[in-house]
């Protein structure tokens, strides 16, 4: 008669099942480790490729830097050149306006009046003269040249044979469209040999005319 110990048989089955579970867990862990290793290798290779691309781009940038610097230098030179051209154009425009003013003053001279000097002045310069009737705020602080408004004034010195000739000259100046607030500041009698003459000093605010093409 054969006797079978069922307890030992069940224990062996349990041990086999546990071994299978352990083997499955170890296999899973091995697969995870293999996958992690492969992922690390792939990422390292990808990073290496990126580093190669970065180095290549840096090389290209370094090669292009002289050209970039040259372009930037040309841009700065162009800006400076444009400023010079603008300054020259402004000087030409100013010269054209001043020439027209002098021509109009010359055409307004009566026959017995002659000029001894004409001076163009800005707001800061005219304030020191404190000319009445020019409607200037003489108490205002002096302003920087670049911030000064485009106010232009002319100081005209001359001589005439008669007082009436000086008055006529002032009236003719007032008829010039861009002459504003013409002020006869003073007249003094002087002598040329035995002949008396009248010396005069005139100030005027001027609205500069447009340059004629």
C-alpha atoms as a PDB file:
ATOM      1  CA  UNK A   1       0.000   0.000   0.000  1.00  0.00           C
ATOM      2  CA  UNK A   2       1.426   3.380  -1.054  1.00  0.00           C
ATOM      3  CA  UNK A   3       1.059   6.340   1.317  1.00  0.00           C
ATOM      4  CA  UNK A   4       1.241   9.929  -0.116  1.00  0.00           C
ATOM      5  CA  UNK A   5       1.974  12.878   2.172  1.00  0.00           C
ATOM      6  CA  UNK A   6      -0.356  15.570   0.795  1.00  0.00           C
ATOM      7  CA  UNK A   7       1.152  18.239   3.079  1.00  0.00           C
ATOM      8  CA  UNK A   8       4.605  17.877   1.530  1.00  0.00           C
ATOM      9  CA  UNK A   9       3.109  17.888  -1.947  1.00  0.00           C
ATOM     10  CA  UNK A  10       1.257  21.130  -1.326  1.00  0.00           C
ATOM     11  CA  UNK A  11       4.344  22.738   0.177  1.00  0.00           C
ATOM     12  CA  UNK A  12       6.363  21.829  -2.908  1.00  0.00           C
ATOM     13  CA  UNK A  13       3.670  23.328  -5.132  1.00  0.00           C
ATOM     14  CA  UNK A  14       3.747  26.529  -3.064  1.00  0.00           C
ATOM     15  CA  UNK A  15       7.543  26.726  -3.309  1.00  0.00           C
ATOM     16  CA  UNK A  16       7.346  26.215  -7.077  1.00  0.00           C
ATOM     17  CA  UNK A  17       4.724  28.969  -7.358  1.00  0.00           C
ATOM     18  CA  UNK A  18       6.861  31.308  -5.230  1.00  0.00           C
ATOM     19  CA  UNK A  19       9.919  30.551  -7.345  1.00  0.00           C
ATOM     20  CA  UNK A  20       7.946  31.301 -10.499  1.00  0.00           C
ATOM     21  CA  UNK A  21       6.801  34.634  -9.013  1.00  0.00           C
ATOM     22  CA  UNK A  22      10.357  35.501  -7.992  1.00  0.00           C
ATOM     23  CA  UNK A  23      11.587  34.563 -11.458  1.00  0.00           C
ATOM     24  CA  UNK A  24       8.902  36.722 -13.040  1.00  0.00           C
ATOM     25  CA  UNK A  25       9.800  39.660 -10.784  1.00  0.00           C
ATOM     26  CA  UNK A  26      13.508  39.235 -11.549  1.00  0.00           C
ATOM     27  CA  UNK A  27      12.731  39.030 -15.256  1.00  0.00           C
ATOM     28  CA  UNK A  28      10.611  42.166 -15.060  1.00  0.00           C
ATOM     29  CA  UNK A  29      13.352  44.009 -13.135  1.00  0.00           C
ATOM     30  CA  UNK A  30      15.899  42.856 -15.668  1.00  0.00           C
ATOM     31  CA  UNK A  31      13.742  44.101 -18.519  1.00  0.00           C
ATOM     32  CA  UNK A  32      13.279  47.449 -16.723  1.00  0.00           C
ATOM     33  CA  UNK A  33      17.032  47.748 -16.192  1.00  0.00           C
ATOM     34  CA  UNK A  34      17.681  46.846 -19.819  1.00  0.00           C
ATOM     35  CA  UNK A  35      15.132  49.391 -20.999  1.00  0.00           C
ATOM     36  CA  UNK A  36      16.605  52.057 -18.697  1.00  0.00           C
ATOM     37  CA  UNK A  37      20.062  51.248 -20.028  1.00  0.00           C
ATOM     38  CA  UNK A  38      18.890  51.462 -23.606  1.00  0.00           C
ATOM     39  CA  UNK A  39      17.085  54.746 -22.859  1.00  0.00           C
ATOM     40  CA  UNK A  40      20.237  56.165 -21.262  1.00  0.00           C
ATOM     41  CA  UNK A  41      22.323  55.086 -24.255  1.00  0.00           C
ATOM     42  CA  UNK A  42      19.824  56.606 -26.692  1.00  0.00           C
ATOM     43  CA  UNK A  43      19.620  59.855 -24.706  1.00  0.00           C
ATOM     44  CA  UNK A  44      23.393  60.056 -24.455  1.00  0.00           C
ATOM     45  CA  UNK A  45      23.692  59.510 -28.181  1.00  0.00           C
ATOM     46  CA  UNK A  46      21.016  62.166 -28.787  1.00  0.00           C
ATOM     47  CA  UNK A  47      22.789  64.608 -26.474  1.00  0.00           C
ATOM     48  CA  UNK A  48      26.004  63.901 -28.317  1.00  0.00           C
ATOM     49  CA  UNK A  49      24.323  64.669 -31.616  1.00  0.00           C
ATOM     50  CA  UNK A  50      22.903  67.892 -30.150  1.00  0.00           C
ATOM     51  CA  UNK A  51      26.352  68.871 -28.894  1.00  0.00           C
ATOM     52  CA  UNK A  52      27.747  68.219 -32.350  1.00  0.00           C
ATOM     53  CA  UNK A  53      25.013  70.422 -33.854  1.00  0.00           C
ATOM     54  CA  UNK A  54      25.690  73.151 -31.275  1.00  0.00           C
ATOM     55  CA  UNK A  55      29.404  73.062 -32.034  1.00  0.00           C
ATOM     56  CA  UNK A  56      28.677  73.219 -35.759  1.00  0.00           C
ATOM     57  CA  UNK A  57      26.335  76.175 -35.255  1.00  0.00           C
ATOM     58  CA  UNK A  58      28.909  77.917 -33.058  1.00  0.00           C
ATOM     59  CA  UNK A  59      31.493  77.379 -35.774  1.00  0.00           C
ATOM     60  CA  UNK A  60      29.136  78.868 -38.362  1.00  0.00           C
ATOM     61  CA  UNK A  61      28.346  81.803 -36.083  1.00  0.00           C
ATOM     62  CA  UNK A  62      32.047  82.399 -35.492  1.00  0.00           C
ATOM     63  CA  UNK A  63      32.612  82.319 -39.231  1.00  0.00           C
ATOM     64  CA  UNK A  64      29.771  84.789 -39.801  1.00  0.00           C
ATOM     65  CA  UNK A  65      30.765  87.158 -36.954  1.00  0.00           C
ATOM     66  CA  UNK A  66      33.214  89.205 -39.070  1.00  0.00           C
ATOM     67  CA  UNK A  67      30.475  89.696 -41.672  1.00  0.00           C
ATOM     68  CA  UNK A  68      27.979  90.619 -38.927  1.00  0.00           C
ATOM     69  CA  UNK A  69      30.428  93.087 -37.389  1.00  0.00           C
ATOM     70  CA  UNK A  70      31.060  94.568 -40.827  1.00  0.00           C
ATOM     71  CA  UNK A  71      27.309  94.979 -41.413  1.00  0.00           C
ATOM     72  CA  UNK A  72      26.836  96.631 -38.012  1.00  0.00           C
ATOM     73  CA  UNK A  73      29.751  98.971 -38.725  1.00  0.00           C
ATOM     74  CA  UNK A  74      28.210  99.854 -42.081  1.00  0.00           C
ATOM     75  CA  UNK A  75      24.866 100.560 -40.368  1.00  0.00           C
ATOM     76  CA  UNK A  76      26.544 102.873 -37.844  1.00  0.00           C
ATOM     77  CA  UNK A  77      28.456 104.594 -40.624  1.00  0.00           C
ATOM     78  CA  UNK A  78      25.224 104.958 -42.607  1.00  0.00           C
ATOM     79  CA  UNK A  79      23.488 106.580 -39.619  1.00  0.00           C
ATOM     80  CA  UNK A  80      26.427 108.942 -39.123  1.00  0.00           C
ATOM     81  CA  UNK A  81      26.511 109.701 -42.850  1.00  0.00           C
ATOM     82  CA  UNK A  82      22.762 110.420 -42.877  1.00  0.00           C
ATOM     83  CA  UNK A  83      23.224 112.788 -39.934  1.00  0.00           C
ATOM     84  CA  UNK A  84      25.985 114.589 -41.831  1.00  0.00           C
ATOM     85  CA  UNK A  85      23.815 114.824 -44.954  1.00  0.00           C
ATOM     86  CA  UNK A  86      20.911 116.134 -42.860  1.00  0.00           C
ATOM     87  CA  UNK A  87      23.212 118.704 -41.269  1.00  0.00           C
ATOM     88  CA  UNK A  88      24.485 119.799 -44.674  1.00  0.00           C
ATOM     89  CA  UNK A  89      20.913 120.078 -45.983  1.00  0.00           C
ATOM     90  CA  UNK A  90      19.945 122.137 -42.931  1.00  0.00           C
ATOM     91  CA  UNK A  91      22.938 124.411 -43.455  1.00  0.00           C
ATOM     92  CA  UNK A  92      22.028 124.833 -47.100  1.00  0.00           C
ATOM     93  CA  UNK A  93      18.433 125.581 -46.157  1.00  0.00           C
ATOM     94  CA  UNK A  94      19.567 128.048 -43.502  1.00  0.00           C
ATOM     95  CA  UNK A  95      21.952 129.676 -45.954  1.00  0.00           C
ATOM     96  CA  UNK A  96      19.191 129.932 -48.548  1.00  0.00           C
ATOM     97  CA  UNK A  97      16.813 131.565 -46.074  1.00  0.00           C
ATOM     98  CA  UNK A  98      19.483 133.954 -44.807  1.00  0.00           C
ATOM     99  CA  UNK A  99      20.380 134.930 -48.382  1.00  0.00           C
ATOM    100  CA  UNK A 100      16.732 135.673 -49.132  1.00  0.00           C
ATOM    101  CA  UNK A 101      16.427 137.792 -45.977  1.00  0.00           C
ATOM    102  CA  UNK A 102      19.514 139.823 -46.859  1.00  0.00           C
ATOM    103  CA  UNK A 103      18.212 140.339 -50.383  1.00  0.00           C
ATOM    104  CA  UNK A 104      14.840 141.553 -49.057  1.00  0.00           C
ATOM    105  CA  UNK A 105      16.560 143.897 -46.606  1.00  0.00           C
ATOM    106  CA  UNK A 106      18.692 145.268 -49.420  1.00  0.00           C
ATOM    107  CA  UNK A 107      15.637 145.859 -51.612  1.00  0.00           C
ATOM    108  CA  UNK A 108      13.982 147.756 -48.728  1.00  0.00           C
ATOM    109  CA  UNK A 109      16.814 150.272 -48.346  1.00  0.00           C
ATOM    110  CA  UNK A 110      15.939 153.858 -49.322  1.00  0.00           C
ATOM    111  CA  UNK A 111      18.527 155.640 -51.460  1.00  0.00           C
ATOM    112  CA  UNK A 112      19.932 157.733 -48.595  1.00  0.00           C
ATOM    113  CA  UNK A 113      20.211 154.846 -46.094  1.00  0.00           C
ATOM    114  CA  UNK A 114      23.189 152.502 -45.855  1.00  0.00           C
ATOM    115  CA  UNK A 115      23.891 149.601 -43.562  1.00  0.00           C
ATOM    116  CA  UNK A 116      26.857 149.119 -41.263  1.00  0.00           C
ATOM    117  CA  UNK A 117      26.061 145.662 -39.931  1.00  0.00           C
ATOM    118  CA  UNK A 118      23.485 142.866 -39.773  1.00  0.00           C
ATOM    119  CA  UNK A 119      23.594 140.139 -37.123  1.00  0.00           C
ATOM    120  CA  UNK A 120      21.363 137.094 -36.702  1.00  0.00           C
ATOM    121  CA  UNK A 121      20.557 136.213 -33.068  1.00  0.00           C
ATOM    122  CA  UNK A 122      18.729 133.473 -31.190  1.00  0.00           C
ATOM    123  CA  UNK A 123      16.450 133.762 -28.173  1.00  0.00           C
ATOM    124  CA  UNK A 124      19.226 133.488 -25.580  1.00  0.00           C
ATOM    125  CA  UNK A 125      21.284 136.202 -27.311  1.00  0.00           C
ATOM    126  CA  UNK A 126      18.372 138.615 -27.714  1.00  0.00           C
ATOM    127  CA  UNK A 127      17.412 138.306 -24.033  1.00  0.00           C
ATOM    128  CA  UNK A 128      20.619 140.057 -23.057  1.00  0.00           C
ATOM    129  CA  UNK A 129      19.513 143.099 -25.092  1.00  0.00           C
ATOM    130  CA  UNK A 130      16.156 143.440 -23.257  1.00  0.00           C
ATOM    131  CA  UNK A 131      14.526 145.008 -26.303  1.00  0.00           C
ATOM    132  CA  UNK A 132      11.067 146.434 -25.572  1.00  0.00           C
ATOM    133  CA  UNK A 133       8.004 145.520 -27.664  1.00  0.00           C
ATOM    134  CA  UNK A 134       9.400 142.167 -28.806  1.00  0.00           C
ATOM    135  CA  UNK A 135       7.068 140.325 -26.402  1.00  0.00           C
ATOM    136  CA  UNK A 136       9.832 138.259 -24.829  1.00  0.00           C
ATOM    137  CA  UNK A 137       9.782 136.825 -21.295  1.00  0.00           C
ATOM    138  CA  UNK A 138      13.105 138.254 -20.155  1.00  0.00           C
ATOM    139  CA  UNK A 139      12.793 136.659 -16.707  1.00  0.00           C
ATOM    140  CA  UNK A 140      12.663 133.105 -18.099  1.00  0.00           C
ATOM    141  CA  UNK A 141      15.707 130.906 -17.542  1.00  0.00           C
ATOM    142  CA  UNK A 142      18.180 130.457 -20.364  1.00  0.00           C
ATOM    143  CA  UNK A 143      17.386 127.323 -22.310  1.00  0.00           C
ATOM    144  CA  UNK A 144      19.732 124.833 -23.922  1.00  0.00           C
ATOM    145  CA  UNK A 145      20.506 125.461 -27.579  1.00  0.00           C
ATOM    146  CA  UNK A 146      19.086 122.113 -28.699  1.00  0.00           C
ATOM    147  CA  UNK A 147      15.843 122.816 -26.758  1.00  0.00           C
ATOM    148  CA  UNK A 148      15.469 126.412 -27.921  1.00  0.00           C
ATOM    149  CA  UNK A 149      12.533 127.257 -30.162  1.00  0.00           C
ATOM    150  CA  UNK A 150      13.166 128.353 -33.747  1.00  0.00           C
ATOM    151  CA  UNK A 151      12.966 132.047 -32.859  1.00  0.00           C
ATOM    152  CA  UNK A 152      15.264 134.142 -35.042  1.00  0.00           C
ATOM    153  CA  UNK A 153      16.055 137.796 -34.514  1.00  0.00           C
ATOM    154  CA  UNK A 154      18.034 140.284 -36.570  1.00  0.00           C
ATOM    155  CA  UNK A 155      20.033 143.262 -35.362  1.00  0.00           C
ATOM    156  CA  UNK A 156      20.403 145.907 -38.085  1.00  0.00           C
ATOM    157  CA  UNK A 157      22.789 148.826 -37.729  1.00  0.00           C
ATOM    158  CA  UNK A 158      22.972 151.610 -40.265  1.00  0.00           C
ATOM    159  CA  UNK A 159      23.134 155.287 -41.058  1.00  0.00           C
ATOM    160  CA  UNK A 160      20.873 157.709 -42.930  1.00  0.00           C
ATOM    161  CA  UNK A 161      20.939 161.289 -44.027  1.00  0.00           C
ATOM    162  CA  UNK A 162      17.522 162.102 -42.564  1.00  0.00           C
ATOM    163  CA  UNK A 163      15.242 160.866 -39.776  1.00  0.00           C
ATOM    164  CA  UNK A 164      12.448 160.407 -42.308  1.00  0.00           C
ATOM    165  CA  UNK A 165      14.625 157.981 -44.237  1.00  0.00           C
ATOM    166  CA  UNK A 166      15.050 155.839 -41.100  1.00  0.00           C
ATOM    167  CA  UNK A 167      11.265 155.831 -40.543  1.00  0.00           C
ATOM    168  CA  UNK A 168      10.724 154.854 -44.170  1.00  0.00           C
ATOM    169  CA  UNK A 169      13.220 151.992 -43.835  1.00  0.00           C
ATOM    170  CA  UNK A 170      11.383 150.657 -40.754  1.00  0.00           C
ATOM    171  CA  UNK A 171       8.063 150.803 -42.609  1.00  0.00           C
ATOM    172  CA  UNK A 172       9.544 148.940 -45.561  1.00  0.00           C
ATOM    173  CA  UNK A 173      10.907 146.249 -43.236  1.00  0.00           C
ATOM    174  CA  UNK A 174       7.455 145.863 -41.692  1.00  0.00           C
ATOM    175  CA  UNK A 175       6.076 145.203 -45.173  1.00  0.00           C
ATOM    176  CA  UNK A 176       8.304 142.128 -45.562  1.00  0.00           C
ATOM    177  CA  UNK A 177       5.879 139.241 -44.826  1.00  0.00           C
ATOM    178  CA  UNK A 178       8.147 137.330 -42.445  1.00  0.00           C
ATOM    179  CA  UNK A 179       9.448 140.380 -40.508  1.00  0.00           C
ATOM    180  CA  UNK A 180       7.587 140.609 -37.216  1.00  0.00           C
ATOM    181  CA  UNK A 181       7.703 143.275 -34.485  1.00  0.00           C
ATOM    182  CA  UNK A 182      10.225 145.609 -36.088  1.00  0.00           C
ATOM    183  CA  UNK A 183      11.603 147.861 -33.344  1.00  0.00           C
ATOM    184  CA  UNK A 184      13.609 151.033 -33.918  1.00  0.00           C
ATOM    185  CA  UNK A 185      15.580 150.911 -30.685  1.00  0.00           C
ATOM    186  CA  UNK A 186      17.648 154.084 -31.035  1.00  0.00           C
ATOM    187  CA  UNK A 187      18.849 156.866 -33.325  1.00  0.00           C
ATOM    188  CA  UNK A 188      21.841 159.097 -32.711  1.00  0.00           C
ATOM    189  CA  UNK A 189      23.184 162.062 -34.560  1.00  0.00           C
ATOM    190  CA  UNK A 190      26.764 161.732 -35.791  1.00  0.00           C
ATOM    191  CA  UNK A 191      28.910 163.777 -38.133  1.00  0.00           C
ATOM    192  CA  UNK A 192      30.816 162.934 -41.277  1.00  0.00           C
ATOM    193  CA  UNK A 193      33.033 165.935 -41.667  1.00  0.00           C
ATOM    194  CA  UNK A 194      30.605 168.850 -41.531  1.00  0.00           C
ATOM    195  CA  UNK A 195      27.564 166.809 -42.610  1.00  0.00           C
ATOM    196  CA  UNK A 196      25.224 165.430 -39.918  1.00  0.00           C
ATOM    197  CA  UNK A 197      23.882 161.875 -40.255  1.00  0.00           C
ATOM    198  CA  UNK A 198      21.531 159.678 -38.216  1.00  0.00           C
ATOM    199  CA  UNK A 199      22.848 156.346 -36.951  1.00  0.00           C
ATOM    200  CA  UNK A 200      20.131 153.833 -36.048  1.00  0.00           C
ATOM    201  CA  UNK A 201      19.730 150.443 -34.414  1.00  0.00           C
ATOM    202  CA  UNK A 202      16.830 148.153 -35.357  1.00  0.00           C
ATOM    203  CA  UNK A 203      15.758 144.796 -33.968  1.00  0.00           C
ATOM    204  CA  UNK A 204      13.177 142.476 -35.472  1.00  0.00           C
ATOM    205  CA  UNK A 205      11.722 139.050 -34.905  1.00  0.00           C
ATOM    206  CA  UNK A 206      11.803 137.001 -38.120  1.00  0.00           C
ATOM    207  CA  UNK A 207       9.745 134.006 -39.186  1.00  0.00           C
ATOM    208  CA  UNK A 208      12.177 132.301 -41.539  1.00  0.00           C
ATOM    209  CA  UNK A 209      10.743 131.871 -45.058  1.00  0.00           C
ATOM    210  CA  UNK A 210      10.750 128.558 -46.858  1.00  0.00           C
ATOM    211  CA  UNK A 211      13.655 127.993 -49.183  1.00  0.00           C
ATOM    212  CA  UNK A 212      12.691 128.591 -52.795  1.00  0.00           C
ATOM    213  CA  UNK A 213      13.415 125.675 -55.116  1.00  0.00           C
END
